[in-house]
Amino acid sequence: MFVSERDIFDYVFYPNCLNESLSVYIGNNEDIFSSEIESYKTSKLYSKNKVEFEDKIVNKLMGNSMSRIIDFLKLETKQRQGAKVFLLDSSTPRLEKSIVTETFVDEDSQYLVKVVIANNFTKIYVFNKNNTLLENFKLTIFPENKSYRFENNQNPLVLEGERSVEDVKLEIID
C-alpha cells in the first residue's frame, strides 16, 4: 500500500480525516514509519497557539494587503539507508539508496515543511497545523536562495536532483 507524507501527517494530526484502511495499515506498520511519525509527534507537542484570523480579516476589509514572512527552525535530519528501496542494474546485483528527510517548523509550530531527498529528486511538502488548504504563498529555499510560488499546498514541490536544503522561508501573500 502506498503511504504519502500527507497520509502520515494526517495520521498524527488528524486521524479522523484519514481513510480507515490506511490508518489501520500505518498503525500496524508504525515501525516502518517510526521516524516520520515521531517527527510529527514532536512538532505536535510544540504546537501552542492557534492562528488568529481577526487581524487578517480586518486588513482585508480595510483594503490592506498583507504579506507574512515565516522563518523556520531545522529539526534533526534523518537518514535511512536502504529504506526498502532497491535498484537493480546489470552491473550491480543490489544497490541500496538512502532517503534523507529534513523537517522544518516555525517558532509557533503552525507550519511544517518536510523535505524528502531520494532517487535523484527532492520533494518539499508544506503543511499547516489547521489542516486547511494553504493558498497563495511563496517558499524560498536556502542556500540556493531560490523562490517558488504556489497557488496551494495540495501537492509537493518536486525538484530534479538531490538538493541541499539548510533553511526555508515561507511568505504568505494575501
Protein backbone atom coordinates (compact mmCIF):
# COMPACT_ATOMS: atom_id res chain seq x y z
CA MET A 1 0.00 0.00 0.00
CA PHE A 2 1.32 3.46 -0.91
CA VAL A 3 1.59 5.87 2.04
CA SER A 4 2.37 9.51 1.30
CA GLU A 5 3.92 12.11 3.57
CA ARG A 6 0.48 13.75 3.78
CA ASP A 7 -1.03 10.45 4.99
CA ILE A 8 1.48 10.26 7.82
CA PHE A 9 0.84 13.91 8.71
CA ASP A 10 -2.92 13.23 8.86
CA TYR A 11 -2.30 10.03 10.87
CA VAL A 12 -0.63 12.10 13.61
CA PHE A 13 -2.58 15.37 13.48
CA TYR A 14 -5.99 14.48 12.02
CA PRO A 15 -6.60 10.72 12.26
CA ASN A 16 -10.35 11.21 11.68
CA CYS A 17 -9.60 12.64 8.22
CA LEU A 18 -7.65 9.56 7.17
CA ASN A 19 -9.15 6.62 5.31
CA GLU A 20 -9.78 3.84 7.86
CA SER A 21 -7.87 1.13 5.99
CA LEU A 22 -4.88 3.47 5.55
CA SER A 23 -4.99 4.38 9.24
CA VAL A 24 -5.02 0.71 10.22
CA TYR A 25 -2.17 -0.04 7.82
CA ILE A 26 0.01 2.76 9.22
CA GLY A 27 -0.89 1.73 12.78
CA ASN A 28 0.10 -1.88 12.10
CA ASN A 29 3.35 -0.78 10.45
CA GLU A 30 4.43 2.05 12.76
CA ASP A 31 7.93 0.58 12.85
CA ILE A 32 8.32 1.28 9.12
CA PHE A 33 7.17 4.89 9.51
CA SER A 34 8.57 5.43 13.02
CA SER A 35 10.94 8.29 12.18
CA GLU A 36 8.26 10.25 10.29
CA ILE A 37 5.60 9.61 12.92
CA GLU A 38 7.97 10.58 15.73
CA SER A 39 8.97 13.75 13.88
CA TYR A 40 5.35 14.83 13.51
CA LYS A 41 4.52 13.90 17.11
CA THR A 42 7.43 16.02 18.31
CA SER A 43 6.31 19.04 16.33
CA LYS A 44 2.73 18.49 17.52
CA LEU A 45 3.94 18.81 21.11
CA TYR A 46 5.36 22.24 20.32
CA SER A 47 2.11 23.46 18.87
CA LYS A 48 0.81 26.05 21.32
CA ASN A 49 -1.11 28.78 19.60
CA LYS A 50 -3.92 28.84 17.09
CA VAL A 51 -3.64 31.11 14.10
CA GLU A 52 -5.55 34.32 14.72
CA PHE A 53 -7.58 35.40 11.73
CA GLU A 54 -9.09 38.60 13.14
CA ASP A 55 -6.19 40.82 12.01
CA LYS A 56 -6.25 39.21 8.61
CA ILE A 57 -10.00 39.83 8.22
CA VAL A 58 -9.75 43.44 9.43
CA ASN A 59 -6.93 44.16 6.97
CA LYS A 60 -8.89 42.60 4.12
CA LEU A 61 -11.97 44.68 4.99
CA MET A 62 -9.87 47.83 5.13
CA GLY A 63 -8.29 47.01 1.78
CA ASN A 64 -4.84 46.45 3.18
CA SER A 65 -2.76 43.78 1.52
CA MET A 66 -0.79 41.72 3.95
CA SER A 67 2.24 39.53 3.49
CA ARG A 68 3.69 37.48 6.32
CA ILE A 69 7.17 36.01 6.25
CA ILE A 70 7.66 32.99 8.44
CA ASP A 71 11.10 31.74 9.49
CA PHE A 72 11.69 28.09 10.27
CA LEU A 73 13.87 26.11 12.64
CA LYS A 74 15.50 22.98 11.32
CA LEU A 75 14.87 19.85 13.34
CA GLU A 76 17.19 16.84 13.29
CA THR A 77 17.96 15.43 9.83
CA LYS A 78 17.01 11.78 9.44
CA GLN A 79 18.67 9.42 7.01
CA ARG A 80 17.53 5.91 6.32
CA GLN A 81 19.83 3.57 4.49
CA GLY A 82 18.04 1.22 2.19
CA ALA A 83 14.58 2.30 3.28
CA LYS A 84 13.35 -0.78 1.45
CA VAL A 85 14.31 0.82 -1.87
CA PHE A 86 16.46 -1.39 -4.09
CA LEU A 87 17.71 -0.55 -7.55
CA LEU A 88 18.74 -3.32 -9.90
CA ASP A 89 21.36 -2.73 -12.53
CA SER A 90 23.09 -5.05 -14.97
CA SER A 91 26.48 -4.48 -13.33
CA THR A 92 25.29 -4.42 -9.71
CA PRO A 93 23.00 -7.14 -8.39
CA ARG A 94 21.82 -4.97 -5.48
CA LEU A 95 22.34 -1.32 -4.68
CA GLU A 96 20.70 0.37 -1.72
CA LYS A 97 19.81 4.06 -1.91
CA SER A 98 19.41 6.29 1.10
CA ILE A 99 16.50 8.59 1.80
CA VAL A 100 17.14 11.81 3.71
CA THR A 101 14.29 13.66 5.39
CA GLU A 102 14.63 17.12 6.83
CA THR A 103 11.95 18.79 8.92
CA PHE A 104 11.47 22.50 9.50
CA VAL A 105 8.98 24.01 11.93
CA ASP A 106 8.15 27.64 12.61
CA GLU A 107 8.51 29.21 16.06
CA ASP A 108 4.77 28.99 16.80
CA SER A 109 4.52 25.47 15.37
CA GLN A 110 1.77 26.48 12.98
CA TYR A 111 3.58 25.39 9.82
CA LEU A 112 5.72 22.41 8.97
CA VAL A 113 7.97 21.92 5.95
CA LYS A 114 9.13 18.39 5.19
CA VAL A 115 11.96 17.80 2.68
CA VAL A 116 12.42 14.30 1.25
CA ILE A 117 15.62 13.71 -0.74
CA ALA A 118 15.90 10.42 -2.63
CA ASN A 119 16.46 8.80 -6.02
CA ASN A 120 17.77 11.94 -7.72
CA PHE A 121 14.83 14.14 -6.74
CA THR A 122 13.82 16.40 -3.88
CA LYS A 123 10.21 16.76 -2.72
CA ILE A 124 9.18 19.59 -0.43
CA TYR A 125 5.87 19.40 1.41
CA VAL A 126 4.28 22.37 3.19
CA PHE A 127 1.71 21.67 5.91
CA ASN A 128 -0.24 23.89 8.24
CA LYS A 129 -1.43 22.54 11.55
CA ASN A 130 -5.05 23.62 10.98
CA ASN A 131 -5.26 21.02 8.21
CA THR A 132 -6.72 23.66 5.92
CA LEU A 133 -5.61 24.45 2.42
CA LEU A 134 -2.77 26.96 2.43
CA GLU A 135 -3.17 29.27 -0.55
CA ASN A 136 -1.12 31.89 -2.35
CA PHE A 137 2.33 31.57 -0.83
CA LYS A 138 5.99 31.65 -1.76
CA LEU A 139 8.62 29.28 -0.44
CA THR A 140 12.29 30.31 -0.51
CA ILE A 141 14.93 27.60 -0.20
CA PHE A 142 18.43 28.24 1.12
CA PRO A 143 21.36 28.07 0.38
CA GLU A 144 20.09 28.33 -3.23
CA ASN A 145 18.09 31.45 -2.31
CA LYS A 146 15.54 30.38 -4.90
CA SER A 147 11.83 31.13 -4.50
CA TYR A 148 8.85 29.11 -5.70
CA ARG A 149 5.32 30.47 -5.80
CA PHE A 150 2.35 28.21 -5.02
CA GLU A 151 -1.38 28.53 -5.54
CA ASN A 152 -1.92 25.99 -2.73
CA ASN A 153 -0.18 23.23 -0.79
CA GLN A 154 -2.09 20.24 -2.16
CA ASN A 155 0.97 18.88 -3.96
CA PRO A 156 4.65 18.92 -3.01
CA LEU A 157 7.27 20.90 -4.86
CA VAL A 158 9.27 18.36 -6.87
CA LEU A 159 12.79 19.37 -7.88
CA GLU A 160 15.17 17.36 -10.03
CA GLY A 161 18.35 16.30 -8.30
CA GLU A 162 19.19 15.81 -4.67
CA ARG A 163 19.17 19.36 -3.26
CA SER A 164 20.72 20.52 -0.04
CA VAL A 165 18.16 22.47 2.00
CA GLU A 166 19.59 24.26 5.04
CA ASP A 167 16.80 26.76 5.64
CA VAL A 168 13.38 27.77 4.30
CA LYS A 169 11.24 30.87 4.48
CA LEU A 170 7.52 30.94 3.85
CA GLU A 171 5.81 34.10 2.64
CA ILE A 172 2.03 34.06 2.81
CA ILE A 173 0.59 36.57 0.39
CA ASP A 174 -2.90 37.90 0.96
